[in-house]
Amino acid sequence: MRGHIFAALAAAAVILLAGRASAQIEEWIRTVQQPGKSSERAAALVEIRGIAKEPRALSAVPTLLGCLKDKEAKIREEAVAALGSILYLQKQPCPLALVEMLNDSDADVRLAASTYGGIFSEYPEGSLAIFKKAARSPDRNVRSDAPHLLKVAGGNAPDVVRIMQELAEDPDWQVANNAEIALWHVTKNVERFTLFCLRSIAAYRPVEGDPATPENQQRAIRNLQAASLVGLLKQEAQSQPAELSRALLKE
């Protein structure tokens, strides 16, 4: 009898907690929907993103989709982050509305779109055209993420490869670097990839002075990239020794 009582109490506790959790997210959703309370709305969106792993977070998706058209950039930014997190963690498809945020007028919103929209492995019809446009964006953060997005949505299609090759000539180091890596994934051109690796490794320079300066932070990132490419070259030496040898001889 005592065991049945404990089981009943445990079940009641679970139901009570579930009810409280449901009421909590409903309150956050109501807060988000209230106009004119920017800081409270943004904070509620952050709270919703914080429970992205939980199935109950899906109830916020309709509201989040509506927030993508909000007049306030901060609300759009937080909505993009929450929506991308929830849909990805709940194994839901990426909506075209999220992809379209790459075209937003605000730089922080575009950054959120490329960050949280770039984690999916599949994209809806219409996405590839947006990614091609992103490759020519004046925003270096958007261009930097474009190679990966093009790789996922377009694979080794000739026009996609051509855009990646153009991005590999971008004056921004991060954009060009990401384009070369994307090209390697879709073309497996050993000669080109070997040359890219050697140039990156040769560009290694120790960080001197204040590591917090933008220049030194960029240098640290480049050095980490160079170190990782050493490992990739070792893998290629094991998997494709003949092809790598021919590529090295050409260099």
C-alpha atoms as a PDB file:
ATOM      1  CA  MET A   1       0.000   0.000   0.000  1.00  0.00           C
ATOM      2  CA  ARG A   2       2.779   2.400   0.956  1.00  0.00           C
ATOM      3  CA  GLY A   3       4.452   1.834  -2.428  1.00  0.00           C
ATOM      4  CA  HIS A   4       1.239   2.754  -4.231  1.00  0.00           C
ATOM      5  CA  ILE A   5       0.964   5.956  -2.210  1.00  0.00           C
ATOM      6  CA  PHE A   6       4.537   6.986  -3.048  1.00  0.00           C
ATOM      7  CA  ALA A   7       3.958   6.227  -6.733  1.00  0.00           C
ATOM      8  CA  ALA A   8       0.784   8.301  -6.738  1.00  0.00           C
ATOM      9  CA  LEU A   9       2.556  11.203  -5.032  1.00  0.00           C
ATOM     10  CA  ALA A  10       5.416  11.027  -7.541  1.00  0.00           C
ATOM     11  CA  ALA A  11       2.969  11.057 -10.444  1.00  0.00           C
ATOM     12  CA  ALA A  12       1.159  14.026  -8.950  1.00  0.00           C
ATOM     13  CA  ALA A  13       4.448  15.887  -8.554  1.00  0.00           C
ATOM     14  CA  VAL A  14       5.324  15.276 -12.209  1.00  0.00           C
ATOM     15  CA  ILE A  15       1.932  16.561 -13.323  1.00  0.00           C
ATOM     16  CA  LEU A  16       2.291  19.628 -11.101  1.00  0.00           C
ATOM     17  CA  LEU A  17       5.761  20.437 -12.456  1.00  0.00           C
ATOM     18  CA  ALA A  18       4.583  19.967 -16.031  1.00  0.00           C
ATOM     19  CA  GLY A  19       1.719  22.342 -15.401  1.00  0.00           C
ATOM     20  CA  ARG A  20       4.038  24.957 -13.949  1.00  0.00           C
ATOM     21  CA  ALA A  21       6.431  24.592 -16.895  1.00  0.00           C
ATOM     22  CA  SER A  22       3.597  25.016 -19.363  1.00  0.00           C
ATOM     23  CA  ALA A  23       2.333  28.094 -17.538  1.00  0.00           C
ATOM     24  CA  GLN A  24       5.852  29.514 -17.537  1.00  0.00           C
ATOM     25  CA  ILE A  25       6.344  29.364 -21.284  1.00  0.00           C
ATOM     26  CA  GLU A  26       2.835  30.693 -21.850  1.00  0.00           C
ATOM     27  CA  GLU A  27       3.762  33.697 -19.727  1.00  0.00           C
ATOM     28  CA  TRP A  28       6.942  34.246 -21.759  1.00  0.00           C
ATOM     29  CA  ILE A  29       4.943  34.051 -24.984  1.00  0.00           C
ATOM     30  CA  ARG A  30       2.439  36.598 -23.682  1.00  0.00           C
ATOM     31  CA  THR A  31       5.307  38.908 -22.750  1.00  0.00           C
ATOM     32  CA  VAL A  32       6.806  38.629 -26.224  1.00  0.00           C
ATOM     33  CA  GLN A  33       3.464  39.483 -27.769  1.00  0.00           C
ATOM     34  CA  GLN A  34       3.084  42.694 -25.763  1.00  0.00           C
ATOM     35  CA  PRO A  35       4.037  45.763 -27.829  1.00  0.00           C
ATOM     36  CA  GLY A  36       6.144  48.569 -26.441  1.00  0.00           C
ATOM     37  CA  LYS A  37       8.086  46.574 -23.839  1.00  0.00           C
ATOM     38  CA  SER A  38      11.354  45.973 -25.662  1.00  0.00           C
ATOM     39  CA  SER A  39      13.584  44.891 -22.791  1.00  0.00           C
ATOM     40  CA  GLU A  40      10.979  42.557 -21.302  1.00  0.00           C
ATOM     41  CA  ARG A  41      10.189  41.037 -24.692  1.00  0.00           C
ATOM     42  CA  ALA A  42      13.860  40.478 -25.480  1.00  0.00           C
ATOM     43  CA  ALA A  43      14.412  38.885 -22.062  1.00  0.00           C
ATOM     44  CA  ALA A  44      11.455  36.558 -22.603  1.00  0.00           C
ATOM     45  CA  LEU A  45      12.877  35.494 -25.965  1.00  0.00           C
ATOM     46  CA  VAL A  46      16.159  34.660 -24.271  1.00  0.00           C
ATOM     47  CA  GLU A  47      14.274  32.568 -21.697  1.00  0.00           C
ATOM     48  CA  ILE A  48      12.474  30.700 -24.475  1.00  0.00           C
ATOM     49  CA  ARG A  49      15.783  29.964 -26.196  1.00  0.00           C
ATOM     50  CA  GLY A  50      17.066  28.634 -22.887  1.00  0.00           C
ATOM     51  CA  ILE A  51      14.547  25.763 -22.975  1.00  0.00           C
ATOM     52  CA  ALA A  52      15.108  24.974 -26.666  1.00  0.00           C
ATOM     53  CA  LYS A  53      15.856  21.314 -25.881  1.00  0.00           C
ATOM     54  CA  GLU A  54      12.472  20.834 -24.242  1.00  0.00           C
ATOM     55  CA  PRO A  55       9.495  19.775 -26.391  1.00  0.00           C
ATOM     56  CA  ARG A  56       7.319  22.475 -24.799  1.00  0.00           C
ATOM     57  CA  ALA A  57       9.458  25.087 -26.544  1.00  0.00           C
ATOM     58  CA  LEU A  58       7.755  24.183 -29.832  1.00  0.00           C
ATOM     59  CA  SER A  59       4.621  25.967 -28.639  1.00  0.00           C
ATOM     60  CA  ALA A  60       6.503  29.248 -29.055  1.00  0.00           C
ATOM     61  CA  VAL A  61       7.338  28.698 -32.740  1.00  0.00           C
ATOM     62  CA  PRO A  62       4.291  30.530 -34.190  1.00  0.00           C
ATOM     63  CA  THR A  63       5.045  33.564 -32.024  1.00  0.00           C
ATOM     64  CA  LEU A  64       8.726  33.460 -32.969  1.00  0.00           C
ATOM     65  CA  LEU A  65       7.886  33.357 -36.649  1.00  0.00           C
ATOM     66  CA  GLY A  66       5.756  36.450 -36.160  1.00  0.00           C
ATOM     67  CA  CYS A  67       8.611  38.214 -34.406  1.00  0.00           C
ATOM     68  CA  LEU A  68      10.805  37.869 -37.487  1.00  0.00           C
ATOM     69  CA  LYS A  69       8.861  40.801 -38.931  1.00  0.00           C
ATOM     70  CA  ASP A  70       8.977  42.914 -35.779  1.00  0.00           C
ATOM     71  CA  LYS A  71       9.950  46.554 -36.272  1.00  0.00           C
ATOM     72  CA  GLU A  72      12.591  46.316 -33.527  1.00  0.00           C
ATOM     73  CA  ALA A  73      15.884  44.788 -34.608  1.00  0.00           C
ATOM     74  CA  LYS A  74      16.690  43.401 -31.138  1.00  0.00           C
ATOM     75  CA  ILE A  75      13.424  41.461 -31.120  1.00  0.00           C
ATOM     76  CA  ARG A  76      14.111  40.075 -34.588  1.00  0.00           C
ATOM     77  CA  GLU A  77      17.617  39.087 -33.534  1.00  0.00           C
ATOM     78  CA  GLU A  78      16.506  37.224 -30.405  1.00  0.00           C
ATOM     79  CA  ALA A  79      13.610  35.613 -32.288  1.00  0.00           C
ATOM     80  CA  VAL A  80      16.008  34.281 -34.930  1.00  0.00           C
ATOM     81  CA  ALA A  81      18.271  32.838 -32.222  1.00  0.00           C
ATOM     82  CA  ALA A  82      15.392  31.210 -30.357  1.00  0.00           C
ATOM     83  CA  LEU A  83      13.696  29.873 -33.479  1.00  0.00           C
ATOM     84  CA  GLY A  84      16.866  28.386 -34.933  1.00  0.00           C
ATOM     85  CA  SER A  85      17.825  26.790 -31.624  1.00  0.00           C
ATOM     86  CA  ILE A  86      14.414  25.240 -31.006  1.00  0.00           C
ATOM     87  CA  LEU A  87      13.878  23.865 -34.498  1.00  0.00           C
ATOM     88  CA  TYR A  88      17.386  22.443 -34.728  1.00  0.00           C
ATOM     89  CA  LEU A  89      17.359  20.794 -31.301  1.00  0.00           C
ATOM     90  CA  GLN A  90      13.839  19.460 -31.842  1.00  0.00           C
ATOM     91  CA  LYS A  91      14.912  18.048 -35.238  1.00  0.00           C
ATOM     92  CA  GLN A  92      12.404  20.185 -37.112  1.00  0.00           C
ATOM     93  CA  PRO A  93      12.971  21.547 -40.634  1.00  0.00           C
ATOM     94  CA  CYS A  94      14.392  24.986 -41.192  1.00  0.00           C
ATOM     95  CA  PRO A  95      11.684  27.369 -42.462  1.00  0.00           C
ATOM     96  CA  LEU A  96      12.350  29.652 -45.408  1.00  0.00           C
ATOM     97  CA  ALA A  97      11.406  32.601 -43.198  1.00  0.00           C
ATOM     98  CA  LEU A  98      14.516  31.951 -41.104  1.00  0.00           C
ATOM     99  CA  VAL A  99      16.744  31.760 -44.194  1.00  0.00           C
ATOM    100  CA  GLU A 100      15.293  35.044 -45.467  1.00  0.00           C
ATOM    101  CA  MET A 101      16.606  36.827 -42.379  1.00  0.00           C
ATOM    102  CA  LEU A 102      20.015  36.824 -44.059  1.00  0.00           C
ATOM    103  CA  ASN A 103      18.601  39.770 -46.021  1.00  0.00           C
ATOM    104  CA  ASP A 104      17.605  41.748 -42.916  1.00  0.00           C
ATOM    105  CA  SER A 105      18.537  45.421 -42.781  1.00  0.00           C
ATOM    106  CA  ASP A 106      20.252  45.030 -39.394  1.00  0.00           C
ATOM    107  CA  ALA A 107      23.770  43.571 -39.130  1.00  0.00           C
ATOM    108  CA  ASP A 108      23.141  41.820 -35.787  1.00  0.00           C
ATOM    109  CA  VAL A 109      20.018  40.150 -37.158  1.00  0.00           C
ATOM    110  CA  ARG A 110      21.947  38.974 -40.224  1.00  0.00           C
ATOM    111  CA  LEU A 111      24.674  37.597 -37.970  1.00  0.00           C
ATOM    112  CA  ALA A 112      22.098  35.694 -35.911  1.00  0.00           C
ATOM    113  CA  ALA A 113      20.552  34.350 -39.111  1.00  0.00           C
ATOM    114  CA  SER A 114      23.865  33.078 -40.432  1.00  0.00           C
ATOM    115  CA  THR A 115      24.765  31.613 -37.034  1.00  0.00           C
ATOM    116  CA  TYR A 116      21.496  29.963 -36.038  1.00  0.00           C
ATOM    117  CA  GLY A 117      20.288  29.369 -39.570  1.00  0.00           C
ATOM    118  CA  GLY A 118      23.590  27.830 -40.576  1.00  0.00           C
ATOM    119  CA  ILE A 119      23.355  24.807 -38.274  1.00  0.00           C
ATOM    120  CA  PHE A 120      20.803  22.846 -40.293  1.00  0.00           C
ATOM    121  CA  SER A 121      21.704  19.992 -42.643  1.00  0.00           C
ATOM    122  CA  GLU A 122      18.820  20.645 -45.040  1.00  0.00           C
ATOM    123  CA  TYR A 123      17.119  23.765 -46.345  1.00  0.00           C
ATOM    124  CA  PRO A 124      13.734  24.399 -47.971  1.00  0.00           C
ATOM    125  CA  GLU A 125      13.182  25.154 -51.632  1.00  0.00           C
ATOM    126  CA  GLY A 126      14.136  28.721 -52.417  1.00  0.00           C
ATOM    127  CA  SER A 127      17.061  28.781 -49.998  1.00  0.00           C
ATOM    128  CA  LEU A 128      19.806  28.325 -52.584  1.00  0.00           C
ATOM    129  CA  ALA A 129      18.910  31.581 -54.359  1.00  0.00           C
ATOM    130  CA  ILE A 130      19.169  33.403 -51.020  1.00  0.00           C
ATOM    131  CA  PHE A 131      22.547  31.799 -50.284  1.00  0.00           C
ATOM    132  CA  LYS A 132      23.847  32.852 -53.704  1.00  0.00           C
ATOM    133  CA  LYS A 133      22.816  36.410 -52.901  1.00  0.00           C
ATOM    134  CA  ALA A 134      24.491  36.097 -49.491  1.00  0.00           C
ATOM    135  CA  ALA A 135      27.763  35.273 -51.236  1.00  0.00           C
ATOM    136  CA  ARG A 136      27.749  38.792 -52.680  1.00  0.00           C
ATOM    137  CA  SER A 137      26.629  40.561 -49.523  1.00  0.00           C
ATOM    138  CA  PRO A 138      28.615  43.620 -48.403  1.00  0.00           C
ATOM    139  CA  ASP A 139      28.387  42.129 -44.894  1.00  0.00           C
ATOM    140  CA  ARG A 140      31.557  40.082 -44.352  1.00  0.00           C
ATOM    141  CA  ASN A 141      29.854  37.935 -41.699  1.00  0.00           C
ATOM    142  CA  VAL A 142      27.198  36.872 -44.194  1.00  0.00           C
ATOM    143  CA  ARG A 143      29.787  36.251 -46.933  1.00  0.00           C
ATOM    144  CA  SER A 144      31.868  34.277 -44.462  1.00  0.00           C
ATOM    145  CA  ASP A 145      29.026  31.831 -43.810  1.00  0.00           C
ATOM    146  CA  ALA A 146      27.885  31.682 -47.429  1.00  0.00           C
ATOM    147  CA  PRO A 147      30.339  28.929 -48.524  1.00  0.00           C
ATOM    148  CA  HIS A 148      29.017  26.488 -45.932  1.00  0.00           C
ATOM    149  CA  LEU A 149      25.397  27.313 -46.750  1.00  0.00           C
ATOM    150  CA  LEU A 150      26.067  26.904 -50.469  1.00  0.00           C
ATOM    151  CA  LYS A 151      27.772  23.581 -49.821  1.00  0.00           C
ATOM    152  CA  VAL A 152      24.803  22.216 -47.891  1.00  0.00           C
ATOM    153  CA  ALA A 153      22.124  23.509 -50.258  1.00  0.00           C
ATOM    154  CA  GLY A 154      23.914  23.297 -53.607  1.00  0.00           C
ATOM    155  CA  GLY A 155      26.621  20.668 -53.288  1.00  0.00           C
ATOM    156  CA  ASN A 156      28.944  20.489 -56.266  1.00  0.00           C
ATOM    157  CA  ALA A 157      26.603  22.094 -58.799  1.00  0.00           C
ATOM    158  CA  PRO A 158      28.746  23.999 -61.349  1.00  0.00           C
ATOM    159  CA  ASP A 159      27.262  27.412 -60.558  1.00  0.00           C
ATOM    160  CA  VAL A 160      27.731  26.821 -56.828  1.00  0.00           C
ATOM    161  CA  VAL A 161      31.367  25.789 -57.293  1.00  0.00           C
ATOM    162  CA  ARG A 162      31.945  28.882 -59.410  1.00  0.00           C
ATOM    163  CA  ILE A 163      30.593  31.147 -56.650  1.00  0.00           C
ATOM    164  CA  MET A 164      32.784  29.380 -54.089  1.00  0.00           C
ATOM    165  CA  GLN A 165      35.815  29.961 -56.311  1.00  0.00           C
ATOM    166  CA  GLU A 166      34.953  33.649 -56.458  1.00  0.00           C
ATOM    167  CA  LEU A 167      34.645  33.758 -52.671  1.00  0.00           C
ATOM    168  CA  ALA A 168      38.049  32.094 -52.375  1.00  0.00           C
ATOM    169  CA  GLU A 169      39.468  35.299 -53.909  1.00  0.00           C
ATOM    170  CA  ASP A 170      37.667  37.521 -51.386  1.00  0.00           C
ATOM    171  CA  PRO A 171      39.959  40.105 -49.736  1.00  0.00           C
ATOM    172  CA  ASP A 172      38.587  39.103 -46.336  1.00  0.00           C
ATOM    173  CA  TRP A 173      40.710  36.257 -44.992  1.00  0.00           C
ATOM    174  CA  GLN A 174      37.881  34.448 -43.191  1.00  0.00           C
ATOM    175  CA  VAL A 175      35.632  34.500 -46.258  1.00  0.00           C
ATOM    176  CA  ALA A 176      38.376  33.156 -48.519  1.00  0.00           C
ATOM    177  CA  ASN A 177      39.365  30.527 -45.944  1.00  0.00           C
ATOM    178  CA  ASN A 178      35.812  29.234 -45.556  1.00  0.00           C
ATOM    179  CA  ALA A 179      35.387  29.136 -49.319  1.00  0.00           C
ATOM    180  CA  GLU A 180      38.505  27.000 -49.768  1.00  0.00           C
ATOM    181  CA  ILE A 181      37.320  24.534 -47.145  1.00  0.00           C
ATOM    182  CA  ALA A 182      33.868  24.338 -48.751  1.00  0.00           C
ATOM    183  CA  LEU A 183      35.485  23.789 -52.158  1.00  0.00           C
ATOM    184  CA  TRP A 184      37.492  20.922 -50.734  1.00  0.00           C
ATOM    185  CA  HIS A 185      34.349  19.253 -49.438  1.00  0.00           C
ATOM    186  CA  VAL A 186      32.476  19.476 -52.742  1.00  0.00           C
ATOM    187  CA  THR A 187      35.286  18.970 -55.284  1.00  0.00           C
ATOM    188  CA  LYS A 188      37.975  16.946 -53.442  1.00  0.00           C
ATOM    189  CA  ASN A 189      40.574  18.746 -55.541  1.00  0.00           C
ATOM    190  CA  VAL A 190      43.732  17.541 -53.801  1.00  0.00           C
ATOM    191  CA  GLU A 191      46.061  19.877 -55.649  1.00  0.00           C
ATOM    192  CA  ARG A 192      44.097  23.012 -54.807  1.00  0.00           C
ATOM    193  CA  PHE A 193      43.541  21.973 -51.216  1.00  0.00           C
ATOM    194  CA  THR A 194      47.220  21.143 -50.722  1.00  0.00           C
ATOM    195  CA  LEU A 195      48.255  24.570 -52.009  1.00  0.00           C
ATOM    196  CA  PHE A 196      45.717  26.207 -49.681  1.00  0.00           C
ATOM    197  CA  CYS A 197      47.036  24.251 -46.700  1.00  0.00           C
ATOM    198  CA  LEU A 198      50.674  25.070 -47.460  1.00  0.00           C
ATOM    199  CA  ARG A 199      49.936  28.767 -47.849  1.00  0.00           C
ATOM    200  CA  SER A 200      47.980  28.830 -44.604  1.00  0.00           C
ATOM    201  CA  ILE A 201      50.703  27.008 -42.703  1.00  0.00           C
ATOM    202  CA  ALA A 202      53.377  29.299 -44.167  1.00  0.00           C
ATOM    203  CA  ALA A 203      51.384  32.325 -42.989  1.00  0.00           C
ATOM    204  CA  TYR A 204      51.694  31.229 -39.341  1.00  0.00           C
ATOM    205  CA  ARG A 205      52.996  34.063 -37.168  1.00  0.00           C
ATOM    206  CA  PRO A 206      53.255  34.167 -33.352  1.00  0.00           C
ATOM    207  CA  VAL A 207      50.896  36.552 -31.572  1.00  0.00           C
ATOM    208  CA  GLU A 208      52.882  39.426 -30.129  1.00  0.00           C
ATOM    209  CA  GLY A 209      51.718  42.119 -27.757  1.00  0.00           C
ATOM    210  CA  ASP A 210      48.197  42.491 -26.423  1.00  0.00           C
ATOM    211  CA  PRO A 211      46.200  39.366 -27.400  1.00  0.00           C
ATOM    212  CA  ALA A 212      42.927  41.278 -27.020  1.00  0.00           C
ATOM    213  CA  THR A 213      43.518  43.589 -29.998  1.00  0.00           C
ATOM    214  CA  PRO A 214      41.411  42.781 -33.086  1.00  0.00           C
ATOM    215  CA  GLU A 215      44.555  42.161 -35.141  1.00  0.00           C
ATOM    216  CA  ASN A 216      45.953  39.650 -32.658  1.00  0.00           C
ATOM    217  CA  GLN A 217      42.590  37.940 -32.248  1.00  0.00           C
ATOM    218  CA  GLN A 218      42.465  37.489 -36.015  1.00  0.00           C
ATOM    219  CA  ARG A 219      46.054  36.235 -35.985  1.00  0.00           C
ATOM    220  CA  ALA A 220      45.213  33.712 -33.271  1.00  0.00           C
ATOM    221  CA  ILE A 221      42.297  32.405 -35.358  1.00  0.00           C
ATOM    222  CA  ARG A 222      44.532  32.091 -38.418  1.00  0.00           C
ATOM    223  CA  ASN A 223      47.140  30.231 -36.399  1.00  0.00           C
ATOM    224  CA  LEU A 224      44.550  27.792 -35.084  1.00  0.00           C
ATOM    225  CA  GLN A 225      43.348  27.240 -38.646  1.00  0.00           C
ATOM    226  CA  ALA A 226      46.898  26.561 -39.788  1.00  0.00           C
ATOM    227  CA  ALA A 227      47.390  24.039 -36.991  1.00  0.00           C
ATOM    228  CA  SER A 228      44.181  22.227 -37.918  1.00  0.00           C
ATOM    229  CA  LEU A 229      45.224  22.079 -41.568  1.00  0.00           C
ATOM    230  CA  VAL A 230      48.403  20.249 -40.579  1.00  0.00           C
ATOM    231  CA  GLY A 231      46.173  17.489 -39.230  1.00  0.00           C
ATOM    232  CA  LEU A 232      44.087  17.435 -42.407  1.00  0.00           C
ATOM    233  CA  LEU A 233      47.208  17.094 -44.534  1.00  0.00           C
ATOM    234  CA  LYS A 234      48.298  14.136 -42.422  1.00  0.00           C
ATOM    235  CA  GLN A 235      44.919  12.492 -42.988  1.00  0.00           C
ATOM    236  CA  GLU A 236      45.206  13.024 -46.735  1.00  0.00           C
ATOM    237  CA  ALA A 237      48.735  11.593 -46.692  1.00  0.00           C
ATOM    238  CA  GLN A 238      47.277   8.415 -45.235  1.00  0.00           C
ATOM    239  CA  SER A 239      44.157   8.185 -47.394  1.00  0.00           C
ATOM    240  CA  GLN A 240      45.480   9.555 -50.691  1.00  0.00           C
ATOM    241  CA  PRO A 241      49.309   9.327 -50.576  1.00  0.00           C
ATOM    242  CA  ALA A 242      49.833   9.243 -54.350  1.00  0.00           C
ATOM    243  CA  GLU A 243      47.571  12.217 -55.058  1.00  0.00           C
ATOM    244  CA  LEU A 244      49.116  14.256 -52.249  1.00  0.00           C
ATOM    245  CA  SER A 245      52.637  13.438 -53.431  1.00  0.00           C
ATOM    246  CA  ARG A 246      51.838  14.624 -56.956  1.00  0.00           C
ATOM    247  CA  ALA A 247      50.325  17.834 -55.559  1.00  0.00           C
ATOM    248  CA  LEU A 248      53.412  18.503 -53.416  1.00  0.00           C
ATOM    249  CA  LEU A 249      55.746  17.912 -56.362  1.00  0.00           C
ATOM    250  CA  LYS A 250      53.852  20.526 -58.361  1.00  0.00           C
ATOM    251  CA  GLU A 251      54.348  23.000 -55.565  1.00  0.00           C
END
